[in-house]
Every structure is written in C-alpha cells, then in structure tokens.
Amino acid sequence: MFKSMSVETKTAAELAVMAEAGRLLAEVHAELAKAVAPGVTTAELDAVAAAGIKARKAKAAFIGYRGFPATLCVSVNAEVVHGIPSKTRVLAEGDIVGLDLGLIWKGFYADSAVTHPVGKVSPAARKLIAATSAALEAGLAEAVAGRRIGDIGEAVQTVAEKAGYSVVREFVGHGIGRALHEDPPVPNYGKAGTGLRLAPGMVLAIEPMVNAGGPDVRVLSDGWTAVTSDGALSAHFEHTVAVTEDGPRVLTRLG
C-alpha cells in the first residue's frame, strides 16, 4: 500500500475541495444511517450508497479499487473491515454493522466509516461502539501541527485498551488526497513523541478498528472480508481530518 515515504501537503484551495468532498460523503453516510434496520440486506445498503454518490455527481472511490466489487464496505459483527455487500446477507436485530465509504470529488478523495447498531443491541455491543467512536475522537484531537503520528496511535490505543478492548494492527489509517491511500500510514497504536512530525496541510484518514476480543484478524476466502480470529465483535470508525494552523479540521463530519 505504501512505498517509500512521500508525504504531500495540500494547499488551502485543495483543502477547500477536500472539505466539499467530505461534506458530500457525510451526507451519504447520513442517508445510510437512516437505511440501517433489521431485514435490510447489505446489498440494499450498497445501493443506497451508490445512489447517494451519483445524486451528488461524485464518483465512488471503492468500486474497482484493486478489484473490490462494490461501492460500500459492509462489515457485520465479527467482520472487521472490507465486507462485500450481498443480496443474501440480511441484517438482524442485535447485529452491529460497519459501513466504510469513500468518494471522489473534483479529483480528491474523502473516506469515512461508521459502525451502527441494528435495532436493539446488547449492552456489550453498545459499549464497543461507543469506545471505538471515542478512540477515533482521541486520535483526531492529536492531528495537530508539531505533534507526531505516534501521538495519534497512542491516543487511540489508550482509549480502546482502557475500555478492555484491543486494536487491530494488520490494518491502519493513511494519508489521503488525490489518491485514496497516500503516505503516511497511521497506525491505531504507538508511542507518543515518535514517528513523522505533523505539518499544516497534511490530510489523514484516522480509522480505529477495535475488537472486543484479541487483536488478531484473518481474511476470508473472498480475498477481502477481514474477521476477528476469535469470532469476537469488532467496530470501525473513520474520519478524514486536515492538519491546520488552527488545529484539526475534520472534513467528513456534518455541522
């Protein structure tokens, strides 16, 4: 995914376009949130995502990317990331579902993910979702000029592990801009004060993947869907954030 480190900073004009992309993506996520319900297939959610992107005259970022066959990654329960939508996979009361989506607008990418409860879920599932969201917020708060990639990773890891969970290490966040995956890699673990120093104009996709059990994952025979090795629940949240002179600017959040 990442070659030798080459981190691009964005100009104010480029950040303005990325903010437009992020707003459009957030709007599509809002539509998806309304569509999540027991009895809905994961393919139906993919159709909502595709229609939402098309209606905004943007382009889906994931379909065809390295051969991925859909617009939306839909990961249910023990699926961590990269779940492939299916007409036969029906959401059930009590499930949790991670929706990871990207789009392209005027040549720039935006990428974000949300894990939703399906109907009424268990207290354990609610706690996992809340802790993963909180871990993302902790990571975003460290996207400050002068701090380091390790500050982001340690912040995410600390929140997740204090809640009794583990962070996935095989998949990490990333830089983003004219490509979906740019340098630098952004792990969800690390040591504060280490790693690349952040500078204004850098744009990162920070995306904690947090498991209720152990951190290990395996990829299913479809070549895409990653699941927890122990079958425990997993949650995933992601935002695209710009490092600015005035602090973190989350591009994929409405309001």
Protein backbone atom coordinates (compact mmCIF):
# COMPACT_ATOMS: atom_id res chain seq x y z
CA MET A 1 0.00 0.00 0.00
CA PHE A 2 2.78 2.45 0.94
CA LYS A 3 6.08 2.85 -0.89
CA SER A 4 8.98 4.95 0.36
CA MET A 5 7.60 7.77 2.48
CA SER A 6 6.49 10.75 0.43
CA VAL A 7 4.02 12.92 2.28
CA GLU A 8 2.18 15.58 0.31
CA THR A 9 0.72 18.66 1.97
CA LYS A 10 -2.35 20.31 0.48
CA THR A 11 -2.82 23.97 -0.36
CA ALA A 12 -5.70 26.00 1.04
CA ALA A 13 -7.51 25.64 -2.30
CA GLU A 14 -7.03 21.88 -2.30
CA LEU A 15 -8.25 21.63 1.30
CA ALA A 16 -11.36 23.55 0.29
CA VAL A 17 -12.12 20.94 -2.38
CA MET A 18 -11.45 18.12 0.10
CA ALA A 19 -13.84 19.77 2.53
CA GLU A 20 -16.50 19.72 -0.19
CA ALA A 21 -15.78 16.03 -0.77
CA GLY A 22 -16.01 15.35 2.95
CA ARG A 23 -19.34 17.13 3.27
CA LEU A 24 -20.82 15.14 0.40
CA LEU A 25 -19.59 11.91 1.93
CA ALA A 26 -21.06 12.85 5.32
CA GLU A 27 -24.41 13.46 3.64
CA VAL A 28 -24.37 10.00 2.09
CA HIS A 29 -23.46 8.47 5.46
CA ALA A 30 -26.50 10.25 6.96
CA GLU A 31 -28.68 8.57 4.35
CA LEU A 32 -27.11 5.21 5.12
CA ALA A 33 -27.75 5.65 8.84
CA LYS A 34 -31.47 6.01 8.11
CA ALA A 35 -31.41 2.87 5.96
CA VAL A 36 -29.88 0.56 8.56
CA ALA A 37 -32.62 -1.66 10.02
CA PRO A 38 -33.44 -5.32 10.66
CA GLY A 39 -34.45 -7.05 7.43
CA VAL A 40 -32.32 -4.87 5.15
CA THR A 41 -29.74 -6.66 3.00
CA THR A 42 -26.18 -5.45 2.80
CA ALA A 43 -26.65 -5.13 -0.98
CA GLU A 44 -29.52 -2.71 -0.36
CA LEU A 45 -27.18 -0.55 1.72
CA ASP A 46 -24.66 -0.65 -1.11
CA ALA A 47 -27.38 0.59 -3.47
CA VAL A 48 -28.18 3.48 -1.12
CA ALA A 49 -24.51 4.45 -1.08
CA ALA A 50 -24.19 4.25 -4.87
CA ALA A 51 -27.34 6.30 -5.43
CA GLY A 52 -26.29 8.92 -2.90
CA ILE A 53 -22.90 9.41 -4.51
CA LYS A 54 -24.39 9.54 -8.01
CA ALA A 55 -27.03 12.07 -6.93
CA ARG A 56 -24.23 14.38 -5.78
CA LYS A 57 -22.37 13.99 -9.09
CA ALA A 58 -19.38 12.49 -7.30
CA LYS A 59 -17.63 9.20 -8.07
CA ALA A 60 -17.48 6.11 -5.87
CA ALA A 61 -13.94 5.53 -4.63
CA PHE A 62 -14.03 1.85 -3.72
CA ILE A 63 -15.70 0.02 -6.60
CA GLY A 64 -13.00 -1.43 -8.82
CA TYR A 65 -10.24 -0.35 -6.42
CA ARG A 66 -7.82 -3.27 -6.52
CA GLY A 67 -10.78 -5.28 -7.77
CA PHE A 68 -13.22 -4.53 -4.96
CA PRO A 69 -16.69 -5.34 -6.36
CA ALA A 70 -18.91 -2.80 -4.59
CA THR A 71 -19.37 0.85 -3.65
CA LEU A 72 -19.66 0.24 0.10
CA CYS A 73 -17.73 -1.97 2.51
CA VAL A 74 -20.28 -3.57 4.85
CA SER A 75 -18.86 -5.47 7.83
CA VAL A 76 -21.22 -7.23 10.23
CA ASN A 77 -20.48 -8.34 13.80
CA ALA A 78 -17.14 -10.20 13.79
CA GLU A 79 -16.26 -8.79 10.37
CA VAL A 80 -13.64 -6.10 10.90
CA VAL A 81 -13.35 -4.37 7.51
CA HIS A 82 -13.82 -4.83 3.76
CA GLY A 83 -17.02 -6.88 3.91
CA ILE A 84 -18.57 -7.38 0.46
CA PRO A 85 -22.28 -6.49 0.17
CA SER A 86 -24.61 -9.38 -0.66
CA LYS A 87 -28.25 -9.81 -1.66
CA THR A 88 -28.44 -12.78 0.72
CA ARG A 89 -26.86 -11.14 3.81
CA VAL A 90 -29.79 -9.80 5.82
CA LEU A 91 -29.24 -7.60 8.87
CA ALA A 92 -30.88 -8.92 12.03
CA GLU A 93 -31.97 -7.29 15.26
CA GLY A 94 -28.96 -7.07 17.55
CA ASP A 95 -26.30 -7.00 14.84
CA ILE A 96 -23.75 -4.25 14.53
CA VAL A 97 -22.70 -3.14 11.05
CA GLY A 98 -19.67 -1.13 9.97
CA LEU A 99 -20.16 1.00 6.86
CA ASP A 100 -16.96 2.21 5.20
CA LEU A 101 -17.36 4.51 2.21
CA GLY A 102 -15.23 6.73 0.01
CA LEU A 103 -15.89 9.11 -2.84
CA ILE A 104 -14.01 11.26 -5.33
CA TRP A 105 -14.90 14.90 -5.92
CA LYS A 106 -13.00 17.15 -8.34
CA GLY A 107 -10.04 14.78 -8.24
CA PHE A 108 -9.81 14.44 -4.45
CA TYR A 109 -10.83 11.60 -2.14
CA ALA A 110 -12.78 11.52 1.11
CA ASP A 111 -13.02 8.41 3.27
CA SER A 112 -15.01 7.66 6.43
CA ALA A 113 -16.62 4.82 8.34
CA VAL A 114 -19.33 4.41 10.99
CA THR A 115 -20.49 1.38 12.95
CA HIS A 116 -24.24 1.28 13.58
CA PRO A 117 -26.40 -0.81 15.90
CA VAL A 118 -29.13 -2.71 14.08
CA GLY A 119 -32.30 -2.25 16.10
CA LYS A 120 -31.84 -3.00 19.79
CA VAL A 121 -28.37 -4.35 20.55
CA SER A 122 -26.74 -5.76 23.67
CA PRO A 123 -25.08 -3.51 26.25
CA ALA A 124 -21.76 -5.10 25.29
CA ALA A 125 -22.23 -4.13 21.65
CA ARG A 126 -23.24 -0.59 22.60
CA LYS A 127 -20.16 -0.25 24.79
CA LEU A 128 -17.86 -1.44 21.99
CA ILE A 129 -19.35 1.04 19.51
CA ALA A 130 -19.06 3.90 22.00
CA ALA A 131 -15.47 3.06 22.90
CA THR A 132 -14.40 2.83 19.25
CA SER A 133 -16.01 6.18 18.47
CA ALA A 134 -14.27 7.68 21.50
CA ALA A 135 -10.94 6.21 20.36
CA LEU A 136 -11.38 7.93 17.00
CA GLU A 137 -12.13 11.26 18.68
CA ALA A 138 -8.98 10.89 20.78
CA GLY A 139 -6.94 10.25 17.66
CA LEU A 140 -8.46 13.20 15.81
CA ALA A 141 -7.59 15.50 18.69
CA GLU A 142 -3.91 14.67 18.17
CA ALA A 143 -3.91 15.71 14.49
CA VAL A 144 -2.12 18.92 15.43
CA ALA A 145 0.82 20.56 13.67
CA GLY A 146 4.04 19.75 15.53
CA ARG A 147 2.78 16.52 17.04
CA ARG A 148 3.68 13.10 15.69
CA ILE A 149 2.00 10.06 14.17
CA GLY A 150 2.80 8.16 17.37
CA ASP A 151 0.69 10.63 19.36
CA ILE A 152 -2.34 9.65 17.29
CA GLY A 153 -1.68 5.94 17.66
CA GLU A 154 -1.11 6.09 21.40
CA ALA A 155 -4.29 8.14 21.93
CA VAL A 156 -6.41 5.63 20.01
CA GLN A 157 -4.80 2.63 21.68
CA THR A 158 -5.12 4.07 25.17
CA VAL A 159 -8.86 4.70 24.89
CA ALA A 160 -9.55 1.28 23.38
CA GLU A 161 -7.44 -0.68 25.84
CA LYS A 162 -8.71 1.21 28.89
CA ALA A 163 -12.19 0.07 27.86
CA GLY A 164 -10.96 -3.53 27.82
CA TYR A 165 -10.58 -3.95 24.06
CA SER A 166 -7.78 -4.50 21.56
CA VAL A 167 -6.83 -2.58 18.42
CA VAL A 168 -6.25 -4.27 15.08
CA ARG A 169 -2.69 -3.95 13.83
CA GLU A 170 -2.89 -5.51 10.35
CA PHE A 171 -4.88 -2.57 9.01
CA VAL A 172 -4.05 1.09 9.63
CA GLY A 173 -5.14 4.58 8.68
CA HIS A 174 -3.45 6.54 5.93
CA GLY A 175 -2.80 9.81 4.22
CA ILE A 176 -5.38 10.81 1.63
CA GLY A 177 -5.72 13.35 -1.17
CA ARG A 178 -5.51 12.79 -4.92
CA ALA A 179 -5.13 9.09 -4.09
CA LEU A 180 -7.20 7.04 -1.67
CA HIS A 181 -4.13 5.74 0.13
CA GLU A 182 -1.21 8.11 0.48
CA ASP A 183 1.67 8.34 2.93
CA PRO A 184 1.90 8.36 5.85
CA PRO A 185 0.49 5.16 7.34
CA VAL A 186 -1.40 5.99 10.54
CA PRO A 187 -1.41 3.04 12.97
CA ASN A 188 -4.03 2.78 15.71
CA TYR A 189 -1.29 2.01 18.22
CA GLY A 190 2.07 3.53 19.01
CA LYS A 191 4.15 5.64 21.34
CA ALA A 192 3.65 9.36 21.84
CA GLY A 193 6.51 11.51 20.62
CA THR A 194 7.58 9.07 17.90
CA GLY A 195 7.07 8.90 14.17
CA LEU A 196 6.55 11.51 11.49
CA ARG A 197 6.03 15.09 12.68
CA LEU A 198 2.70 16.52 11.53
CA ALA A 199 2.63 19.69 9.45
CA PRO A 200 -0.12 22.02 8.25
CA GLY A 201 -1.69 20.78 5.02
CA MET A 202 -1.35 17.08 5.80
CA VAL A 203 -4.62 15.18 5.47
CA LEU A 204 -5.11 11.87 7.25
CA ALA A 205 -7.75 9.16 7.38
CA ILE A 206 -7.74 8.00 11.00
CA GLU A 207 -9.66 4.76 11.42
CA PRO A 208 -9.67 2.71 14.62
CA MET A 209 -10.70 -0.93 14.23
CA VAL A 210 -11.38 -2.19 17.74
CA ASN A 211 -12.07 -5.79 18.75
CA ALA A 212 -13.96 -7.00 21.78
CA GLY A 213 -11.54 -9.93 21.99
CA GLY A 214 -7.98 -10.26 20.77
CA PRO A 215 -6.38 -8.11 18.06
CA ASP A 216 -5.76 -10.85 15.51
CA VAL A 217 -7.70 -11.00 12.26
CA ARG A 218 -7.87 -13.27 9.23
CA VAL A 219 -9.11 -12.71 5.70
CA LEU A 220 -11.87 -14.94 4.33
CA SER A 221 -11.68 -16.87 1.08
CA ASP A 222 -13.31 -13.99 -0.83
CA GLY A 223 -9.94 -12.25 -0.51
CA TRP A 224 -11.46 -9.16 1.09
CA THR A 225 -13.51 -9.69 4.23
CA ALA A 226 -11.35 -9.48 7.37
CA VAL A 227 -12.80 -11.09 10.50
CA THR A 228 -11.65 -11.39 14.10
CA SER A 229 -9.70 -14.61 14.58
CA ASP A 230 -11.59 -15.41 17.79
CA GLY A 231 -15.07 -14.55 16.48
CA ALA A 232 -15.48 -11.56 18.81
CA LEU A 233 -17.33 -8.42 17.76
CA SER A 234 -15.43 -5.63 16.03
CA ALA A 235 -16.26 -1.96 15.42
CA HIS A 236 -14.79 0.54 12.97
CA PHE A 237 -14.94 4.34 12.82
CA GLU A 238 -13.08 6.70 10.49
CA HIS A 239 -12.85 10.36 9.59
CA THR A 240 -10.75 12.32 7.12
CA VAL A 241 -9.01 15.13 9.00
CA ALA A 242 -6.78 18.00 7.89
CA VAL A 243 -3.89 19.26 9.99
CA THR A 244 -4.15 23.06 10.01
CA GLU A 245 -2.53 26.02 11.73
CA ASP A 246 -5.73 26.28 13.80
CA GLY A 247 -5.86 22.61 14.85
CA PRO A 248 -7.58 19.52 13.48
CA ARG A 249 -10.24 20.13 10.84
CA VAL A 250 -12.50 17.09 10.42
CA LEU A 251 -13.62 17.11 6.79
CA THR A 252 -16.12 14.25 6.86
CA ARG A 253 -18.37 15.43 9.66
CA LEU A 254 -21.62 17.33 9.12
CA GLY A 255 -22.03 20.58 11.02
